Each structure stands twice: as structure tokens, then as C-alpha cells.
Amino acid sequence: MSVENGKQEVTVVDIKMPFMSMVVFMVKFAVASIPAFIILSIIFSVFAAIFGGMFHGMDRF
């Protein structure tokens, strides 16, 4: 390992985690991603409505 400006490099070799604990963690991650997906879809739909309205008005010219 090299020490440069007080920083140390670390390499993770293995993580020991029981299988059921990993399953619970992944289920929590999946459940937590649902509100994030809803928020992102609302944001993208607002942008799509704005830009869709802008580009729809351009075909008249």
C-alpha cells in the first residue's frame, strides 16, 4: 500500500454476509426504489409535456 498525503488505498477482497440478510437487504432496496421511480417519472413527464408543447407549436410554420 502506498501512503500519499495521509491517504491510504484499500482493496475490499470479501464481504461475509448471510444469505437471508442479503435477501432482506435486496427486498428493502427494491421497495425503496419504487418511490424514486415514481418521482423520476413525474419529473420526466413534466419535461416531456413542456418540450412536446414547444415542438408541437413549431409545425405550424
PDB file of N, CA and C in Angstrom:
ATOM      1  N   MET A   1       0.828  -1.181   0.000  1.00  0.00           N
ATOM      2  CA  MET A   1       0.000   0.000   0.000  1.00  0.00           C
ATOM      3  C   MET A   1       0.873   1.245   0.000  1.00  0.00           C
ATOM      4  N   SER A   2       0.413   2.243  -0.703  1.00  0.00           N
ATOM      5  CA  SER A   2       1.169   3.487  -0.730  1.00  0.00           C
ATOM      6  C   SER A   2       0.450   4.542   0.098  1.00  0.00           C
ATOM      7  N   VAL A   3       1.228   5.337   0.800  1.00  0.00           N
ATOM      8  CA  VAL A   3       0.679   6.420   1.610  1.00  0.00           C
ATOM      9  C   VAL A   3       1.060   7.723   0.934  1.00  0.00           C
ATOM     10  N   GLU A   4       0.039   8.484   0.540  1.00  0.00           N
ATOM     11  CA  GLU A   4       0.282   9.733  -0.162  1.00  0.00           C
ATOM     12  C   GLU A   4      -0.633  10.797   0.430  1.00  0.00           C
ATOM     13  N   ASN A   5      -0.055  11.815   1.021  1.00  0.00           N
ATOM     14  CA  ASN A   5      -0.798  12.906   1.646  1.00  0.00           C
ATOM     15  C   ASN A   5      -1.738  12.395   2.739  1.00  0.00           C
ATOM     16  N   GLY A   6      -1.332  11.384   3.469  1.00  0.00           N
ATOM     17  CA  GLY A   6      -2.143  10.865   4.564  1.00  0.00           C
ATOM     18  C   GLY A   6      -3.290   9.978   4.126  1.00  0.00           C
ATOM     19  N   LYS A   7      -3.387   9.643   2.858  1.00  0.00           N
ATOM     20  CA  LYS A   7      -4.463   8.786   2.357  1.00  0.00           C
ATOM     21  C   LYS A   7      -3.931   7.376   2.163  1.00  0.00           C
ATOM     22  N   GLN A   8      -4.776   6.396   2.426  1.00  0.00           N
ATOM     23  CA  GLN A   8      -4.394   5.005   2.232  1.00  0.00           C
ATOM     24  C   GLN A   8      -5.350   4.365   1.241  1.00  0.00           C
ATOM     25  N   GLU A   9      -4.803   3.558   0.348  1.00  0.00           N
ATOM     26  CA  GLU A   9      -5.633   2.817  -0.586  1.00  0.00           C
ATOM     27  C   GLU A   9      -6.091   1.535   0.079  1.00  0.00           C
ATOM     28  N   VAL A  10      -7.362   1.189  -0.149  1.00  0.00           N
ATOM     29  CA  VAL A  10      -7.940  -0.009   0.444  1.00  0.00           C
ATOM     30  C   VAL A  10      -8.572  -0.830  -0.666  1.00  0.00           C
ATOM     31  N   THR A  11      -8.334  -2.134  -0.652  1.00  0.00           N
ATOM     32  CA  THR A  11      -8.947  -3.049  -1.602  1.00  0.00           C
ATOM     33  C   THR A  11      -9.823  -4.025  -0.830  1.00  0.00           C
ATOM     34  N   VAL A  12     -11.126  -4.057  -1.156  1.00  0.00           N
ATOM     35  CA  VAL A  12     -12.043  -4.977  -0.495  1.00  0.00           C
ATOM     36  C   VAL A  12     -11.962  -6.323  -1.213  1.00  0.00           C
ATOM     37  N   VAL A  13     -11.648  -7.348  -0.452  1.00  0.00           N
ATOM     38  CA  VAL A  13     -11.464  -8.675  -1.034  1.00  0.00           C
ATOM     39  C   VAL A  13     -12.715  -9.525  -0.887  1.00  0.00           C
ATOM     40  N   ASP A  14     -13.377  -9.464   0.263  1.00  0.00           N
ATOM     41  CA  ASP A  14     -14.524 -10.329   0.504  1.00  0.00           C
ATOM     42  C   ASP A  14     -15.455  -9.665   1.504  1.00  0.00           C
ATOM     43  N   ILE A  15     -16.750  -9.890   1.323  1.00  0.00           N
ATOM     44  CA  ILE A  15     -17.751  -9.429   2.277  1.00  0.00           C
ATOM     45  C   ILE A  15     -18.511 -10.665   2.731  1.00  0.00           C
ATOM     46  N   LYS A  16     -18.463 -10.937   4.012  1.00  0.00           N
ATOM     47  CA  LYS A  16     -19.186 -12.093   4.550  1.00  0.00           C
ATOM     48  C   LYS A  16     -20.528 -11.607   5.065  1.00  0.00           C
ATOM     49  N   MET A  17     -21.586 -12.074   4.410  1.00  0.00           N
ATOM     50  CA  MET A  17     -22.940 -11.654   4.755  1.00  0.00           C
ATOM     51  C   MET A  17     -23.847 -12.863   4.614  1.00  0.00           C
ATOM     52  N   PRO A  18     -24.654 -13.158   5.611  1.00  0.00           N
ATOM     53  CA  PRO A  18     -25.559 -14.303   5.500  1.00  0.00           C
ATOM     54  C   PRO A  18     -26.545 -14.120   4.343  1.00  0.00           C
ATOM     55  N   PHE A  19     -26.977 -15.240   3.763  1.00  0.00           N
ATOM     56  CA  PHE A  19     -27.824 -15.191   2.581  1.00  0.00           C
ATOM     57  C   PHE A  19     -29.149 -14.488   2.858  1.00  0.00           C
ATOM     58  N   MET A  20     -29.810 -14.841   3.966  1.00  0.00           N
ATOM     59  CA  MET A  20     -31.108 -14.232   4.263  1.00  0.00           C
ATOM     60  C   MET A  20     -30.972 -12.732   4.545  1.00  0.00           C
ATOM     61  N   SER A  21     -29.883 -12.331   5.149  1.00  0.00           N
ATOM     62  CA  SER A  21     -29.653 -10.906   5.378  1.00  0.00           C
ATOM     63  C   SER A  21     -29.497 -10.180   4.046  1.00  0.00           C
ATOM     64  N   MET A  22     -28.848 -10.816   3.089  1.00  0.00           N
ATOM     65  CA  MET A  22     -28.690 -10.218   1.765  1.00  0.00           C
ATOM     66  C   MET A  22     -30.037 -10.143   1.042  1.00  0.00           C
ATOM     67  N   VAL A  23     -30.865 -11.166   1.195  1.00  0.00           N
ATOM     68  CA  VAL A  23     -32.196 -11.164   0.574  1.00  0.00           C
ATOM     69  C   VAL A  23     -33.034 -10.027   1.148  1.00  0.00           C
ATOM     70  N   VAL A  24     -33.009  -9.856   2.477  1.00  0.00           N
ATOM     71  CA  VAL A  24     -33.764  -8.778   3.115  1.00  0.00           C
ATOM     72  C   VAL A  24     -33.261  -7.424   2.626  1.00  0.00           C
ATOM     73  N   PHE A  25     -31.954  -7.270   2.507  1.00  0.00           N
ATOM     74  CA  PHE A  25     -31.386  -6.020   2.010  1.00  0.00           C
ATOM     75  C   PHE A  25     -31.846  -5.738   0.584  1.00  0.00           C
ATOM     76  N   MET A  26     -31.857  -6.750  -0.273  1.00  0.00           N
ATOM     77  CA  MET A  26     -32.259  -6.539  -1.665  1.00  0.00           C
ATOM     78  C   MET A  26     -33.748  -6.228  -1.771  1.00  0.00           C
ATOM     79  N   VAL A  27     -34.579  -6.838  -0.918  1.00  0.00           N
ATOM     80  CA  VAL A  27     -36.009  -6.533  -0.924  1.00  0.00           C
ATOM     81  C   VAL A  27     -36.233  -5.094  -0.469  1.00  0.00           C
ATOM     82  N   LYS A  28     -35.519  -4.667   0.566  1.00  0.00           N
ATOM     83  CA  LYS A  28     -35.631  -3.277   1.013  1.00  0.00           C
ATOM     84  C   LYS A  28     -35.190  -2.314  -0.074  1.00  0.00           C
ATOM     85  N   PHE A  29     -34.135  -2.668  -0.792  1.00  0.00           N
ATOM     86  CA  PHE A  29     -33.652  -1.829  -1.893  1.00  0.00           C
ATOM     87  C   PHE A  29     -34.701  -1.727  -2.993  1.00  0.00           C
ATOM     88  N   ALA A  30     -35.345  -2.841  -3.320  1.00  0.00           N
ATOM     89  CA  ALA A  30     -36.366  -2.836  -4.370  1.00  0.00           C
ATOM     90  C   ALA A  30     -37.574  -2.007  -3.955  1.00  0.00           C
ATOM     91  N   VAL A  31     -37.984  -2.127  -2.696  1.00  0.00           N
ATOM     92  CA  VAL A  31     -39.131  -1.357  -2.210  1.00  0.00           C
ATOM     93  C   VAL A  31     -38.792   0.131  -2.165  1.00  0.00           C
ATOM     94  N   ALA A  32     -37.566   0.458  -1.789  1.00  0.00           N
ATOM     95  CA  ALA A  32     -37.168   1.862  -1.724  1.00  0.00           C
ATOM     96  C   ALA A  32     -37.042   2.482  -3.110  1.00  0.00           C
ATOM     97  N   SER A  33     -36.832   1.674  -4.135  1.00  0.00           N
ATOM     98  CA  SER A  33     -36.688   2.225  -5.477  1.00  0.00           C
ATOM     99  C   SER A  33     -38.031   2.598  -6.108  1.00  0.00           C
ATOM    100  N   ILE A  34     -39.138   2.092  -5.561  1.00  0.00           N
ATOM    101  CA  ILE A  34     -40.456   2.389  -6.137  1.00  0.00           C
ATOM    102  C   ILE A  34     -40.789   3.877  -6.032  1.00  0.00           C
ATOM    103  N   PRO A  35     -40.676   4.517  -4.854  1.00  0.00           N
ATOM    104  CA  PRO A  35     -40.952   5.968  -4.819  1.00  0.00           C
ATOM    105  C   PRO A  35     -39.993   6.779  -5.678  1.00  0.00           C
ATOM    106  N   ALA A  36     -38.736   6.343  -5.751  1.00  0.00           N
ATOM    107  CA  ALA A  36     -37.777   7.051  -6.599  1.00  0.00           C
ATOM    108  C   ALA A  36     -38.198   6.972  -8.057  1.00  0.00           C
ATOM    109  N   PHE A  37     -38.670   5.817  -8.492  1.00  0.00           N
ATOM    110  CA  PHE A  37     -39.142   5.666  -9.874  1.00  0.00           C
ATOM    111  C   PHE A  37     -40.359   6.544 -10.127  1.00  0.00           C
ATOM    112  N   ILE A  38     -41.267   6.636  -9.155  1.00  0.00           N
ATOM    113  CA  ILE A  38     -42.456   7.469  -9.324  1.00  0.00           C
ATOM    114  C   ILE A  38     -42.061   8.939  -9.436  1.00  0.00           C
ATOM    115  N   ILE A  39     -41.151   9.387  -8.588  1.00  0.00           N
ATOM    116  CA  ILE A  39     -40.714  10.789  -8.632  1.00  0.00           C
ATOM    117  C   ILE A  39     -40.024  11.095  -9.955  1.00  0.00           C
ATOM    118  N   LEU A  40     -39.131  10.203 -10.400  1.00  0.00           N
ATOM    119  CA  LEU A  40     -38.445  10.437 -11.674  1.00  0.00           C
ATOM    120  C   LEU A  40     -39.417  10.413 -12.847  1.00  0.00           C
ATOM    121  N   SER A  41     -40.416   9.549 -12.825  1.00  0.00           N
ATOM    122  CA  SER A  41     -41.377   9.507 -13.931  1.00  0.00           C
ATOM    123  C   SER A  41     -42.214  10.777 -13.973  1.00  0.00           C
ATOM    124  N   ILE A  42     -42.544  11.334 -12.812  1.00  0.00           N
ATOM    125  CA  ILE A  42     -43.283  12.605 -12.793  1.00  0.00           C
ATOM    126  C   ILE A  42     -42.423  13.724 -13.366  1.00  0.00           C
ATOM    127  N   ILE A  43     -41.164  13.771 -12.975  1.00  0.00           N
ATOM    128  CA  ILE A  43     -40.262  14.814 -13.485  1.00  0.00           C
ATOM    129  C   ILE A  43     -40.096  14.695 -14.996  1.00  0.00           C
ATOM    130  N   PHE A  44     -39.871  13.479 -15.495  1.00  0.00           N
ATOM    131  CA  PHE A  44     -39.690  13.293 -16.933  1.00  0.00           C
ATOM    132  C   PHE A  44     -40.973  13.576 -17.703  1.00  0.00           C
ATOM    133  N   SER A  45     -42.134  13.277 -17.126  1.00  0.00           N
ATOM    134  CA  SER A  45     -43.377  13.561 -17.833  1.00  0.00           C
ATOM    135  C   SER A  45     -43.629  15.074 -17.913  1.00  0.00           C
ATOM    136  N   VAL A  46     -43.220  15.806 -16.876  1.00  0.00           N
ATOM    137  CA  VAL A  46     -43.354  17.267 -16.932  1.00  0.00           C
ATOM    138  C   VAL A  46     -42.453  17.831 -18.036  1.00  0.00           C
ATOM    139  N   PHE A  47     -41.204  17.355 -18.095  1.00  0.00           N
ATOM    140  CA  PHE A  47     -40.311  17.812 -19.166  1.00  0.00           C
ATOM    141  C   PHE A  47     -40.842  17.409 -20.540  1.00  0.00           C
ATOM    142  N   ALA A  48     -41.393  16.224 -20.661  1.00  0.00           N
ATOM    143  CA  ALA A  48     -41.942  15.782 -21.948  1.00  0.00           C
ATOM    144  C   ALA A  48     -43.127  16.650 -22.347  1.00  0.00           C
ATOM    145  N   ALA A  49     -43.961  17.026 -21.394  1.00  0.00           N
ATOM    146  CA  ALA A  49     -45.105  17.887 -21.707  1.00  0.00           C
ATOM    147  C   ALA A  49     -44.643  19.272 -22.143  1.00  0.00           C
ATOM    148  N   ILE A  50     -43.622  19.792 -21.457  1.00  0.00           N
ATOM    149  CA  ILE A  50     -43.111  21.125 -21.821  1.00  0.00           C
ATOM    150  C   ILE A  50     -42.510  21.106 -23.216  1.00  0.00           C
ATOM    151  N   PHE A  51     -41.582  20.165 -23.456  1.00  0.00           N
ATOM    152  CA  PHE A  51     -40.929  20.123 -24.759  1.00  0.00           C
ATOM    153  C   PHE A  51     -41.873  19.647 -25.854  1.00  0.00           C
ATOM    154  N   GLY A  52     -42.808  18.779 -25.528  1.00  0.00           N
ATOM    155  CA  GLY A  52     -43.797  18.355 -26.513  1.00  0.00           C
ATOM    156  C   GLY A  52     -44.676  19.510 -26.947  1.00  0.00           C
ATOM    157  N   GLY A  53     -45.048  20.349 -25.994  1.00  0.00           N
ATOM    158  CA  GLY A  53     -45.846  21.528 -26.330  1.00  0.00           C
ATOM    159  C   GLY A  53     -45.063  22.527 -27.154  1.00  0.00           C
ATOM    160  N   MET A  54     -43.773  22.667 -26.845  1.00  0.00           N
ATOM    161  CA  MET A  54     -42.949  23.590 -27.620  1.00  0.00           C
ATOM    162  C   MET A  54     -42.786  23.111 -29.056  1.00  0.00           C
ATOM    163  N   PHE A  55     -42.480  21.836 -29.213  1.00  0.00           N
ATOM    164  CA  PHE A  55     -42.242  21.321 -30.564  1.00  0.00           C
ATOM    165  C   PHE A  55     -43.535  21.116 -31.346  1.00  0.00           C
ATOM    166  N   HIS A  56     -44.644  20.937 -30.660  1.00  0.00           N
ATOM    167  CA  HIS A  56     -45.917  20.804 -31.371  1.00  0.00           C
ATOM    168  C   HIS A  56     -46.317  22.112 -32.023  1.00  0.00           C
ATOM    169  N   GLY A  57     -45.986  23.216 -31.380  1.00  0.00           N
ATOM    170  CA  GLY A  57     -46.325  24.517 -31.951  1.00  0.00           C
ATOM    171  C   GLY A  57     -45.422  24.909 -33.100  1.00  0.00           C
ATOM    172  N   MET A  58     -44.317  24.210 -33.285  1.00  0.00           N
ATOM    173  CA  MET A  58     -43.386  24.573 -34.345  1.00  0.00           C
ATOM    174  C   MET A  58     -43.816  24.072 -35.719  1.00  0.00           C
ATOM    175  N   ASP A  59     -44.738  23.132 -35.807  1.00  0.00           N
ATOM    176  CA  ASP A  59     -45.100  22.582 -37.114  1.00  0.00           C
ATOM    177  C   ASP A  59     -46.049  23.494 -37.888  1.00  0.00           C
ATOM    178  N   ARG A  60     -46.472  24.577 -37.312  1.00  0.00           N
ATOM    179  CA  ARG A  60     -47.386  25.475 -37.996  1.00  0.00           C
ATOM    180  C   ARG A  60     -46.673  26.390 -38.968  1.00  0.00           C
ATOM    181  N   PHE A  61     -45.352  26.517 -38.818  1.00  0.00           N
ATOM    182  CA  PHE A  61     -44.622  27.475 -39.656  1.00  0.00           C
ATOM    183  C   PHE A  61     -43.982  26.815 -40.807  1.00  0.00           C
TER     184      PHE A  61
END
